[in-house]
């Protein structure tokens, strides 16, 4: 292995294992917080967060780790049956990660836009039920869309030339698995549909919901500040509420910005490969290779540092670990 490949492997390994550990930590801390709460149930926003971390964790374990292993020079190959199953799972979990990121952004935007926020256990239960219905649709519909992978995936031996790349699974033959469609037209149709439904549509909606969130947040802060000035006496509490809303918005917007940057790099590389394949194709695919893992690797860090409750619990766990 050359020195450049060694550096690449080290950087990629850092992304892989930081993503795995970070997502496990986020899931653990969220459930721990729910157990310690009075209701002993996950709040709606934390439910979405757990689903996002779960999709990213599964993607890391079953797709990114094998890529890292192959980068180290180990030859790992699957049979055709296992190839179809793994390609199906790769497409499914990648798509779920995109749509759950959008769900988190849309949930916070809807919360800010709401004129009257209902409180109490019944309201929380109703909100929780709606979130689970949306998440069930995200997992179910993307599972249905991923079914073609069970039919149009094949196993190849040795070196193979990739004629078509689908953005939602991988940027190269992995574990000996690659797409094989009956015709070039069918392959292009599936790749284009996958790009539109699982990449472009969520991205455009994320940008739209974040712009709406910024507008709603500014309007909400003005309204809360005016109410504080008129009511008096609760100024400190109102300031804490505004600061909490602002922090939540910053975390979600940072997550979406991270997703957008990684997405643009990966889509540019794969689109260039599918339609051009010039002398820059290899370099761009290396960029796609890393950008596909940057969001999974760094999103738990963004969430952990920006989420007040998570940050406090993580710091408490670190202090307990130091005391042992």
Protein backbone atom coordinates (compact mmCIF):
# COMPACT_ATOMS: atom_id res chain seq x y z
CA UNK A 1 0.00 0.00 0.00
CA UNK A 2 1.45 3.36 -1.01
CA UNK A 3 1.93 6.29 1.36
CA UNK A 4 -0.95 8.21 -0.24
CA UNK A 5 -3.28 5.24 0.13
CA UNK A 6 -2.18 4.86 3.75
CA UNK A 7 -3.05 8.50 4.50
CA UNK A 8 -6.40 8.06 2.71
CA UNK A 9 -7.11 4.92 4.71
CA UNK A 10 -6.28 6.66 8.01
CA UNK A 11 -8.54 9.64 7.23
CA UNK A 12 -11.34 7.41 6.00
CA UNK A 13 -10.97 5.11 9.01
CA UNK A 14 -11.31 8.13 11.31
CA UNK A 15 -14.57 9.11 9.58
CA UNK A 16 -15.89 5.55 9.71
CA UNK A 17 -15.25 4.89 13.38
CA UNK A 18 -16.16 8.39 14.56
CA UNK A 19 -19.51 7.91 12.80
CA UNK A 20 -20.08 4.51 14.43
CA UNK A 21 -19.10 5.62 17.95
CA UNK A 22 -20.89 8.97 17.61
CA UNK A 23 -24.19 7.46 16.49
CA UNK A 24 -24.05 4.78 19.22
CA UNK A 25 -23.38 7.53 21.79
CA UNK A 26 -26.28 9.68 20.56
CA UNK A 27 -28.72 6.72 20.66
CA UNK A 28 -27.51 5.68 24.13
CA UNK A 29 -27.73 9.17 25.63
CA UNK A 30 -31.18 9.86 24.14
CA UNK A 31 -32.60 6.62 25.57
CA UNK A 32 -30.86 7.24 28.90
CA UNK A 33 -32.45 10.71 29.08
CA UNK A 34 -35.88 9.21 28.30
CA UNK A 35 -35.48 6.60 31.07
CA UNK A 36 -34.58 9.33 33.58
CA UNK A 37 -37.50 11.56 32.56
CA UNK A 38 -40.89 11.53 34.32
CA UNK A 39 -42.78 10.15 31.29
CA UNK A 40 -40.04 7.57 30.51
CA UNK A 41 -40.76 8.12 26.79
CA UNK A 42 -38.85 9.73 23.97
CA UNK A 43 -39.94 13.28 23.04
CA UNK A 44 -40.99 13.57 19.36
CA UNK A 45 -37.81 15.42 18.30
CA UNK A 46 -35.58 12.84 20.02
CA UNK A 47 -37.54 10.04 18.31
CA UNK A 48 -36.61 11.53 14.92
CA UNK A 49 -33.01 11.97 16.08
CA UNK A 50 -32.76 8.29 17.13
CA UNK A 51 -34.09 7.17 13.73
CA UNK A 52 -31.52 9.37 11.94
CA UNK A 53 -28.68 8.00 14.08
CA UNK A 54 -29.92 4.43 13.55
CA UNK A 55 -30.00 4.81 9.75
CA UNK A 56 -26.50 6.34 9.78
CA UNK A 57 -25.19 3.63 12.12
CA UNK A 58 -26.53 0.80 9.95
CA UNK A 59 -25.06 2.45 6.85
CA UNK A 60 -21.67 2.74 8.56
CA UNK A 61 -21.62 -0.86 9.80
CA UNK A 62 -22.84 -2.59 6.65
CA UNK A 63 -21.49 -0.34 3.88
CA UNK A 64 -18.73 1.98 5.05
CA UNK A 65 -16.84 -0.58 7.15
CA UNK A 66 -16.58 -3.02 4.17
CA UNK A 67 -15.29 -0.12 2.02
CA UNK A 68 -12.66 0.63 4.67
CA UNK A 69 -11.68 -3.07 4.85
CA UNK A 70 -11.27 -3.22 1.05
CA UNK A 71 -9.15 -0.03 1.17
CA UNK A 72 -6.77 -1.88 3.49
CA UNK A 73 -6.19 -4.41 0.70
CA UNK A 74 -8.35 -7.25 2.04
CA UNK A 75 -10.37 -9.05 -0.64
CA UNK A 76 -13.90 -9.64 0.66
CA UNK A 77 -16.56 -10.93 -1.71
CA UNK A 78 -20.22 -11.91 -1.43
CA UNK A 79 -22.28 -14.45 -3.34
CA UNK A 80 -25.02 -13.21 -5.68
CA UNK A 81 -27.79 -13.78 -3.13
CA UNK A 82 -25.96 -11.83 -0.42
CA UNK A 83 -25.07 -9.12 -2.97
CA UNK A 84 -28.74 -8.53 -3.69
CA UNK A 85 -29.61 -8.35 0.00
CA UNK A 86 -26.74 -5.95 0.82
CA UNK A 87 -27.43 -3.68 -2.18
CA UNK A 88 -31.08 -3.54 -1.11
CA UNK A 89 -30.08 -2.56 2.44
CA UNK A 90 -27.54 0.03 1.25
CA UNK A 91 -30.12 1.79 -0.96
CA UNK A 92 -32.80 1.58 1.75
CA UNK A 93 -30.75 2.96 4.65
CA UNK A 94 -29.16 5.72 2.56
CA UNK A 95 -32.59 6.91 1.40
CA UNK A 96 -34.01 6.72 4.93
CA UNK A 97 -31.11 8.84 6.21
CA UNK A 98 -31.92 11.56 3.65
CA UNK A 99 -35.65 11.63 4.38
CA UNK A 100 -35.28 11.47 8.19
CA UNK A 101 -32.88 14.45 8.02
CA UNK A 102 -35.65 16.29 6.17
CA UNK A 103 -38.22 15.11 8.75
CA UNK A 104 -36.13 16.57 11.59
CA UNK A 105 -35.86 19.90 9.76
CA UNK A 106 -39.59 19.95 8.89
CA UNK A 107 -40.62 19.05 12.46
CA UNK A 108 -38.74 21.98 13.95
CA UNK A 109 -40.07 24.33 11.27
CA UNK A 110 -43.66 23.21 11.99
CA UNK A 111 -43.10 23.61 15.74
CA UNK A 112 -41.91 27.20 15.28
CA UNK A 113 -44.78 28.05 12.92
CA UNK A 114 -47.42 26.76 15.34
CA UNK A 115 -49.39 29.61 16.90
CA UNK A 116 -50.54 27.73 20.00
CA UNK A 117 -48.44 24.92 21.46
CA UNK A 118 -50.49 22.33 23.34
CA UNK A 119 -48.88 21.02 26.52
CA UNK A 120 -49.54 18.03 28.75
CA UNK A 121 -49.25 14.24 28.42
CA UNK A 122 -52.16 13.85 25.97
CA UNK A 123 -50.75 16.50 23.61
CA UNK A 124 -47.29 14.90 23.79
CA UNK A 125 -48.78 11.47 23.06
CA UNK A 126 -50.68 12.83 20.05
CA UNK A 127 -47.52 14.53 18.74
CA UNK A 128 -45.50 11.37 19.33
CA UNK A 129 -48.04 9.26 17.44
CA UNK A 130 -47.93 11.61 14.43
CA UNK A 131 -44.13 11.47 14.36
CA UNK A 132 -44.14 7.66 14.44
CA UNK A 133 -46.64 7.57 11.54
CA UNK A 134 -44.38 9.84 9.46
CA UNK A 135 -41.28 7.79 10.32
CA UNK A 136 -43.14 4.57 9.51
CA UNK A 137 -43.99 5.98 6.06
CA UNK A 138 -40.35 7.04 5.52
CA UNK A 139 -39.03 3.56 6.33
CA UNK A 140 -41.84 1.74 4.50
CA UNK A 141 -41.91 3.75 1.26
CA UNK A 142 -38.12 3.71 0.93
CA UNK A 143 -38.13 -0.04 1.53
CA UNK A 144 -40.56 -0.43 -1.39
CA UNK A 145 -38.42 1.81 -3.63
CA UNK A 146 -35.31 -0.24 -2.80
CA UNK A 147 -36.85 -3.57 -3.93
CA UNK A 148 -35.36 -3.39 -7.49
CA UNK A 149 -31.95 -3.99 -5.88
CA UNK A 150 -33.12 -7.54 -5.08
CA UNK A 151 -33.54 -8.15 -8.83
CA UNK A 152 -30.99 -5.98 -10.65
CA UNK A 153 -27.89 -6.71 -8.57
CA UNK A 154 -25.23 -9.18 -9.67
CA UNK A 155 -21.94 -10.58 -8.42
CA UNK A 156 -18.71 -10.10 -10.40
CA UNK A 157 -15.34 -11.80 -10.04
CA UNK A 158 -12.09 -9.84 -10.24
CA UNK A 159 -11.91 -6.44 -11.94
CA UNK A 160 -15.06 -5.05 -13.55
CA UNK A 161 -15.91 -1.87 -15.42
CA UNK A 162 -18.85 -0.04 -13.89
CA UNK A 163 -21.20 1.13 -16.61
CA UNK A 164 -23.62 2.90 -14.27
CA UNK A 165 -23.47 4.28 -10.74
CA UNK A 166 -26.49 4.83 -8.52
CA UNK A 167 -25.85 7.59 -6.00
CA UNK A 168 -27.87 6.00 -3.18
CA UNK A 169 -25.79 2.84 -2.79
CA UNK A 170 -22.06 3.07 -3.55
CA UNK A 171 -19.64 4.72 -5.97
CA UNK A 172 -17.93 1.48 -7.06
CA UNK A 173 -18.35 -2.33 -7.03
CA UNK A 174 -18.33 -3.27 -3.36
CA UNK A 175 -17.84 -6.82 -2.04
CA UNK A 176 -18.11 -7.97 -5.67
CA UNK A 177 -21.61 -6.45 -6.02
CA UNK A 178 -22.79 -4.14 -8.81
CA UNK A 179 -25.93 -3.13 -10.68
CA UNK A 180 -26.95 -5.01 -13.83
CA UNK A 181 -30.05 -3.82 -15.68
CA UNK A 182 -31.55 -5.53 -18.77
CA UNK A 183 -30.91 -2.41 -20.87
CA UNK A 184 -29.05 0.88 -20.63
CA UNK A 185 -32.34 2.78 -20.81
CA UNK A 186 -33.77 0.94 -17.78
CA UNK A 187 -30.57 1.52 -15.82
CA UNK A 188 -30.54 5.22 -16.64
CA UNK A 189 -34.24 5.51 -15.74
CA UNK A 190 -33.69 3.90 -12.32
CA UNK A 191 -30.56 5.96 -11.60
CA UNK A 192 -32.34 9.19 -12.58
CA UNK A 193 -35.44 8.32 -10.53
CA UNK A 194 -33.27 7.42 -7.54
CA UNK A 195 -31.38 10.71 -7.87
CA UNK A 196 -34.62 12.72 -8.10
CA UNK A 197 -36.65 11.00 -5.35
CA UNK A 198 -33.96 10.20 -2.79
CA UNK A 199 -31.54 13.08 -3.32
CA UNK A 200 -32.87 16.16 -5.16
CA UNK A 201 -36.39 16.28 -3.68
CA UNK A 202 -35.25 15.94 -0.02
CA UNK A 203 -32.46 18.46 -0.63
CA UNK A 204 -34.76 21.10 -2.13
CA UNK A 205 -37.31 20.57 0.66
CA UNK A 206 -34.55 20.82 3.30
CA UNK A 207 -33.38 24.15 1.91
CA UNK A 208 -36.99 25.37 1.79
CA UNK A 209 -37.81 24.28 5.36
CA UNK A 210 -34.61 25.87 6.68
CA UNK A 211 -35.40 29.20 5.02
CA UNK A 212 -38.90 28.97 6.49
CA UNK A 213 -37.38 28.13 9.88
CA UNK A 214 -35.15 31.22 9.77
CA UNK A 215 -38.15 33.40 8.93
CA UNK A 216 -40.34 31.80 11.62
CA UNK A 217 -37.56 32.01 14.21
CA UNK A 218 -37.06 35.74 13.61
CA UNK A 219 -40.84 36.29 13.82
CA UNK A 220 -41.09 34.12 16.94
CA UNK A 221 -38.26 35.97 18.72
CA UNK A 222 -39.88 39.34 17.97
CA UNK A 223 -43.23 38.11 19.30
CA UNK A 224 -41.71 36.61 22.47
CA UNK A 225 -39.63 39.74 23.11
CA UNK A 226 -42.67 41.98 22.67
CA UNK A 227 -44.69 39.79 25.04
CA UNK A 228 -41.87 39.96 27.59
CA UNK A 229 -41.71 43.73 27.43
CA UNK A 230 -45.48 43.99 27.80
CA UNK A 231 -45.84 41.40 30.58
CA UNK A 232 -42.64 42.08 32.56
CA UNK A 233 -41.43 39.85 35.36
CA UNK A 234 -40.75 36.81 33.12
CA UNK A 235 -37.99 38.39 31.04
CA UNK A 236 -35.32 35.90 32.16
CA UNK A 237 -37.51 32.90 31.36
CA UNK A 238 -38.41 34.32 27.93
CA UNK A 239 -34.76 34.93 27.15
CA UNK A 240 -33.93 31.30 28.00
CA UNK A 241 -36.80 30.13 25.77
CA UNK A 242 -35.58 32.25 22.84
CA UNK A 243 -31.99 31.05 23.34
CA UNK A 244 -33.20 27.42 23.35
CA UNK A 245 -35.16 27.89 20.12
CA UNK A 246 -32.19 29.62 18.49
CA UNK A 247 -29.78 26.80 19.45
CA UNK A 248 -32.12 24.11 18.13
CA UNK A 249 -32.44 25.96 14.83
CA UNK A 250 -28.67 26.36 14.54
CA UNK A 251 -28.09 22.63 15.12
CA UNK A 252 -30.64 21.57 12.51
CA UNK A 253 -29.41 24.12 9.97
CA UNK A 254 -25.81 23.00 10.51
CA UNK A 255 -26.88 19.37 9.97
CA UNK A 256 -28.65 20.31 6.73
CA UNK A 257 -25.68 22.41 5.52
CA UNK A 258 -23.36 19.46 6.21
CA UNK A 259 -25.70 17.17 4.28
CA UNK A 260 -25.98 19.61 1.34
CA UNK A 261 -22.20 20.05 0.96
CA UNK A 262 -21.56 16.29 1.12
CA UNK A 263 -24.45 15.64 -1.27
CA UNK A 264 -23.29 18.18 -3.87
CA UNK A 265 -19.77 16.70 -3.93
CA UNK A 266 -21.01 13.14 -4.28
CA UNK A 267 -23.66 13.88 -6.91
CA UNK A 268 -21.21 15.94 -8.99
CA UNK A 269 -18.70 13.07 -8.99
CA UNK A 270 -21.18 10.32 -9.86
CA UNK A 271 -22.98 12.41 -12.51
CA UNK A 272 -19.63 13.24 -14.12
CA UNK A 273 -18.77 9.54 -14.18
CA UNK A 274 -22.12 8.46 -15.66
CA UNK A 275 -22.14 11.07 -18.43
CA UNK A 276 -18.51 12.03 -19.13
CA UNK A 277 -15.82 9.73 -17.66
CA UNK A 278 -13.02 12.15 -18.53
CA UNK A 279 -9.55 12.10 -17.02
CA UNK A 280 -10.88 13.72 -13.80
CA UNK A 281 -13.26 10.82 -13.08
CA UNK A 282 -10.89 8.96 -10.75
CA UNK A 283 -10.13 12.05 -8.63
CA UNK A 284 -13.81 12.99 -8.40
CA UNK A 285 -14.76 9.47 -7.33
CA UNK A 286 -12.21 9.72 -4.52
CA UNK A 287 -13.95 12.93 -3.43
CA UNK A 288 -17.33 11.14 -3.61
CA UNK A 289 -15.87 8.26 -1.63
CA UNK A 290 -15.00 10.58 1.28
CA UNK A 291 -17.97 12.95 1.08
CA UNK A 292 -20.39 10.01 1.33
CA UNK A 293 -18.97 9.30 4.79
CA UNK A 294 -18.42 12.85 6.07
CA UNK A 295 -22.10 13.41 6.94
CA UNK A 296 -22.34 10.05 8.74
CA UNK A 297 -19.05 10.74 10.54
CA UNK A 298 -19.65 14.31 11.67
CA UNK A 299 -23.44 14.57 12.10
CA UNK A 300 -23.38 12.88 15.56
CA UNK A 301 -20.74 15.40 16.67
CA UNK A 302 -22.89 18.31 15.46
CA UNK A 303 -25.93 16.92 17.26
CA UNK A 304 -24.05 16.13 20.48
CA UNK A 305 -22.41 19.56 20.72
CA UNK A 306 -25.53 21.52 19.78
CA UNK A 307 -28.18 19.60 21.72
CA UNK A 308 -28.11 20.99 25.29
CA UNK A 309 -29.50 17.87 27.00
CA UNK A 310 -27.25 15.53 25.04
CA UNK A 311 -24.20 17.69 25.68
CA UNK A 312 -24.83 17.75 29.44
CA UNK A 313 -25.37 13.99 29.62
CA UNK A 314 -22.26 13.27 27.56
CA UNK A 315 -20.16 15.54 29.77
CA UNK A 316 -21.58 13.79 32.83
CA UNK A 317 -20.65 10.39 31.36
CA UNK A 318 -17.11 11.64 30.65
CA UNK A 319 -16.73 12.93 34.23
CA UNK A 320 -17.99 9.61 35.61
CA UNK A 321 -15.51 7.79 33.37
CA UNK A 322 -12.65 9.95 34.66
CA UNK A 323 -13.67 9.23 38.24
CA UNK A 324 -13.48 5.46 37.82
